[in-house]
Amino acid sequence: MELDRNTLRAAIHKQYREEHEALGEAGTLALLEKARQWDLSGTLSAGGVIVFPHAGVAECGHQIATAVHACLDSGADRVL
């Protein structure tokens, strides 16, 4: 079976869009707050890396938000 990358990309974007819509602003803010229970900024400040899952916002949103908070709180001028 041949992979149709355009169809796959469209399906993934649709899934993410629907998950964000279902969360709404309140759900998104709740994920961002939940993510504050882990402070990984010191890991980045010390030269470490953070690898996070991205299976979907509904399942992994708080983990993604933890990585975002760490990047913003690390004091780094540049994040890749």
N, C-alpha and C. Protein backbone atom coordinates (compact mmCIF):
# COMPACT_ATOMS: atom_id res chain seq x y z
N MET A 1 0.84 -1.18 0.00
CA MET A 1 0.00 0.00 0.00
C MET A 1 0.89 1.24 0.00
N GLU A 2 0.65 2.12 -0.92
CA GLU A 2 1.43 3.34 -1.05
C GLU A 2 0.87 4.43 -0.13
N LEU A 3 1.77 5.13 0.54
CA LEU A 3 1.38 6.19 1.44
C LEU A 3 1.10 7.46 0.64
N ASP A 4 -0.06 8.00 0.83
CA ASP A 4 -0.42 9.28 0.21
C ASP A 4 -0.16 10.37 1.23
N ARG A 5 0.99 11.00 1.12
CA ARG A 5 1.42 11.98 2.13
C ARG A 5 0.47 13.18 2.22
N ASN A 6 -0.06 13.62 1.13
CA ASN A 6 -0.98 14.76 1.16
C ASN A 6 -2.25 14.43 1.93
N THR A 7 -2.78 13.23 1.71
CA THR A 7 -3.98 12.81 2.43
C THR A 7 -3.68 12.65 3.92
N LEU A 8 -2.53 12.06 4.23
CA LEU A 8 -2.13 11.89 5.62
C LEU A 8 -1.97 13.25 6.31
N ARG A 9 -1.30 14.18 5.66
CA ARG A 9 -1.09 15.51 6.23
C ARG A 9 -2.44 16.20 6.48
N ALA A 10 -3.34 16.11 5.52
CA ALA A 10 -4.66 16.72 5.68
C ALA A 10 -5.42 16.09 6.85
N ALA A 11 -5.32 14.78 7.00
CA ALA A 11 -6.01 14.10 8.10
C ALA A 11 -5.44 14.51 9.46
N ILE A 12 -4.12 14.63 9.54
CA ILE A 12 -3.48 15.04 10.80
C ILE A 12 -3.87 16.47 11.15
N HIS A 13 -3.83 17.36 10.17
CA HIS A 13 -4.21 18.75 10.42
C HIS A 13 -5.68 18.85 10.85
N LYS A 14 -6.53 18.03 10.24
CA LYS A 14 -7.95 18.01 10.61
C LYS A 14 -8.10 17.53 12.06
N GLN A 15 -7.39 16.48 12.42
CA GLN A 15 -7.46 15.96 13.79
C GLN A 15 -7.02 17.02 14.79
N TYR A 16 -5.89 17.67 14.54
CA TYR A 16 -5.39 18.69 15.46
C TYR A 16 -6.36 19.87 15.56
N ARG A 17 -6.90 20.29 14.43
CA ARG A 17 -7.86 21.41 14.42
C ARG A 17 -9.09 21.05 15.25
N GLU A 18 -9.61 19.84 15.06
CA GLU A 18 -10.79 19.41 15.81
C GLU A 18 -10.50 19.31 17.31
N GLU A 19 -9.30 18.83 17.66
CA GLU A 19 -8.95 18.73 19.07
C GLU A 19 -8.85 20.11 19.71
N HIS A 20 -8.24 21.05 19.01
CA HIS A 20 -8.14 22.42 19.52
C HIS A 20 -9.52 23.05 19.66
N GLU A 21 -10.38 22.83 18.68
CA GLU A 21 -11.74 23.37 18.75
C GLU A 21 -12.50 22.77 19.92
N ALA A 22 -12.33 21.47 20.15
CA ALA A 22 -13.03 20.81 21.25
C ALA A 22 -12.54 21.32 22.61
N LEU A 23 -11.25 21.60 22.71
CA LEU A 23 -10.71 22.13 23.97
C LEU A 23 -11.23 23.53 24.24
N GLY A 24 -11.28 24.35 23.21
CA GLY A 24 -11.67 25.73 23.38
C GLY A 24 -10.63 26.49 24.21
N GLU A 25 -10.92 27.74 24.47
CA GLU A 25 -9.98 28.57 25.22
C GLU A 25 -9.79 28.05 26.65
N ALA A 26 -10.89 27.70 27.30
CA ALA A 26 -10.80 27.23 28.68
C ALA A 26 -9.99 25.94 28.79
N GLY A 27 -10.21 25.02 27.87
CA GLY A 27 -9.46 23.76 27.88
C GLY A 27 -7.99 23.97 27.60
N THR A 28 -7.69 24.88 26.69
CA THR A 28 -6.30 25.18 26.38
C THR A 28 -5.60 25.80 27.58
N LEU A 29 -6.26 26.74 28.23
CA LEU A 29 -5.68 27.36 29.43
C LEU A 29 -5.50 26.33 30.55
N ALA A 30 -6.42 25.38 30.65
CA ALA A 30 -6.29 24.32 31.67
C ALA A 30 -5.07 23.44 31.39
N LEU A 31 -4.83 23.12 30.12
CA LEU A 31 -3.64 22.34 29.77
C LEU A 31 -2.37 23.10 30.10
N LEU A 32 -2.36 24.39 29.80
CA LEU A 32 -1.18 25.21 30.11
C LEU A 32 -0.93 25.25 31.62
N GLU A 33 -2.00 25.34 32.39
CA GLU A 33 -1.85 25.37 33.85
C GLU A 33 -1.40 24.01 34.38
N LYS A 34 -1.98 22.93 33.86
CA LYS A 34 -1.59 21.58 34.28
C LYS A 34 -0.11 21.36 34.03
N ALA A 35 0.40 21.92 32.95
CA ALA A 35 1.80 21.74 32.58
C ALA A 35 2.76 22.38 33.57
N ARG A 36 2.29 23.32 34.35
CA ARG A 36 3.15 24.02 35.31
C ARG A 36 3.63 23.11 36.46
N GLN A 37 3.04 21.92 36.58
CA GLN A 37 3.47 21.03 37.66
C GLN A 37 4.88 20.49 37.43
N TRP A 38 5.38 20.61 36.21
CA TRP A 38 6.74 20.19 35.90
C TRP A 38 7.54 21.41 35.45
N ASP A 39 8.65 21.68 36.09
CA ASP A 39 9.52 22.78 35.69
C ASP A 39 10.79 22.19 35.09
N LEU A 40 10.87 22.18 33.78
CA LEU A 40 12.02 21.62 33.08
C LEU A 40 12.95 22.70 32.55
N SER A 41 12.72 23.95 32.93
CA SER A 41 13.55 25.04 32.41
C SER A 41 15.01 24.87 32.80
N GLY A 42 15.27 24.33 33.99
CA GLY A 42 16.65 24.09 34.41
C GLY A 42 17.37 23.10 33.52
N THR A 43 16.63 22.14 33.01
CA THR A 43 17.22 21.17 32.07
C THR A 43 17.75 21.88 30.84
N LEU A 44 16.96 22.80 30.31
CA LEU A 44 17.40 23.54 29.13
C LEU A 44 18.51 24.52 29.47
N SER A 45 18.40 25.18 30.60
CA SER A 45 19.42 26.14 31.01
C SER A 45 20.77 25.46 31.19
N ALA A 46 20.75 24.19 31.57
CA ALA A 46 21.98 23.43 31.78
C ALA A 46 22.50 22.79 30.50
N GLY A 47 21.84 23.09 29.37
CA GLY A 47 22.29 22.55 28.09
C GLY A 47 21.62 21.25 27.68
N GLY A 48 20.62 20.83 28.44
CA GLY A 48 19.91 19.60 28.12
C GLY A 48 18.86 19.80 27.04
N VAL A 49 18.17 18.75 26.74
CA VAL A 49 17.12 18.78 25.72
C VAL A 49 15.82 18.23 26.30
N ILE A 50 14.74 18.59 25.67
CA ILE A 50 13.43 18.06 26.04
C ILE A 50 12.81 17.47 24.78
N VAL A 51 12.43 16.22 24.88
CA VAL A 51 11.75 15.54 23.79
C VAL A 51 10.33 15.28 24.27
N PHE A 52 9.36 15.70 23.48
CA PHE A 52 7.97 15.55 23.92
C PHE A 52 7.17 14.82 22.86
N PRO A 53 6.13 14.10 23.30
CA PRO A 53 5.27 13.40 22.36
C PRO A 53 4.36 14.40 21.65
N HIS A 54 3.89 14.02 20.52
CA HIS A 54 2.94 14.87 19.82
C HIS A 54 1.90 14.01 19.10
N ALA A 55 1.35 13.08 19.86
CA ALA A 55 0.33 12.20 19.30
C ALA A 55 -0.98 12.93 19.09
N GLY A 56 -1.21 13.92 19.86
CA GLY A 56 -2.43 14.70 19.75
C GLY A 56 -2.57 15.61 20.94
N VAL A 57 -3.26 16.69 20.76
CA VAL A 57 -3.42 17.67 21.82
C VAL A 57 -4.21 17.09 22.99
N ALA A 58 -5.22 16.32 22.69
CA ALA A 58 -6.07 15.77 23.75
C ALA A 58 -5.28 14.84 24.68
N GLU A 59 -4.38 14.04 24.12
CA GLU A 59 -3.62 13.09 24.92
C GLU A 59 -2.33 13.68 25.47
N CYS A 60 -1.69 14.54 24.72
CA CYS A 60 -0.33 14.99 25.06
C CYS A 60 -0.20 16.49 25.24
N GLY A 61 -1.29 17.20 25.23
CA GLY A 61 -1.23 18.66 25.28
C GLY A 61 -0.50 19.21 26.49
N HIS A 62 -0.70 18.59 27.65
CA HIS A 62 -0.01 19.07 28.86
C HIS A 62 1.50 18.83 28.77
N GLN A 63 1.91 17.76 28.08
CA GLN A 63 3.34 17.49 27.92
C GLN A 63 3.96 18.47 26.93
N ILE A 64 3.23 18.76 25.88
CA ILE A 64 3.70 19.76 24.91
C ILE A 64 3.81 21.11 25.60
N ALA A 65 2.81 21.46 26.40
CA ALA A 65 2.82 22.74 27.12
C ALA A 65 3.97 22.81 28.12
N THR A 66 4.32 21.68 28.74
CA THR A 66 5.46 21.66 29.65
C THR A 66 6.73 22.03 28.92
N ALA A 67 6.91 21.49 27.72
CA ALA A 67 8.09 21.81 26.92
C ALA A 67 8.10 23.28 26.51
N VAL A 68 6.94 23.81 26.16
CA VAL A 68 6.84 25.23 25.79
C VAL A 68 7.19 26.11 26.98
N HIS A 69 6.62 25.81 28.15
CA HIS A 69 6.95 26.59 29.35
C HIS A 69 8.45 26.55 29.63
N ALA A 70 9.05 25.37 29.50
CA ALA A 70 10.49 25.23 29.76
C ALA A 70 11.30 26.11 28.82
N CYS A 71 10.91 26.13 27.56
CA CYS A 71 11.62 26.98 26.59
C CYS A 71 11.49 28.45 26.96
N LEU A 72 10.29 28.87 27.29
CA LEU A 72 10.05 30.28 27.62
C LEU A 72 10.71 30.67 28.93
N ASP A 73 10.75 29.75 29.89
CA ASP A 73 11.27 30.06 31.22
C ASP A 73 12.78 29.84 31.35
N SER A 74 13.40 29.24 30.33
CA SER A 74 14.82 28.89 30.42
C SER A 74 15.75 30.09 30.27
N GLY A 75 15.24 31.17 29.70
CA GLY A 75 16.08 32.34 29.46
C GLY A 75 16.88 32.23 28.17
N ALA A 76 16.66 31.18 27.41
CA ALA A 76 17.40 31.00 26.16
C ALA A 76 17.01 32.06 25.15
N ASP A 77 17.99 32.52 24.41
CA ASP A 77 17.73 33.48 23.34
C ASP A 77 17.18 32.78 22.11
N ARG A 78 17.47 31.48 22.00
CA ARG A 78 17.07 30.74 20.81
C ARG A 78 16.72 29.30 21.20
N VAL A 79 15.65 28.80 20.65
CA VAL A 79 15.21 27.43 20.90
C VAL A 79 14.97 26.78 19.55
N LEU A 80 15.48 25.58 19.40
CA LEU A 80 15.29 24.85 18.14
C LEU A 80 14.26 23.76 18.32
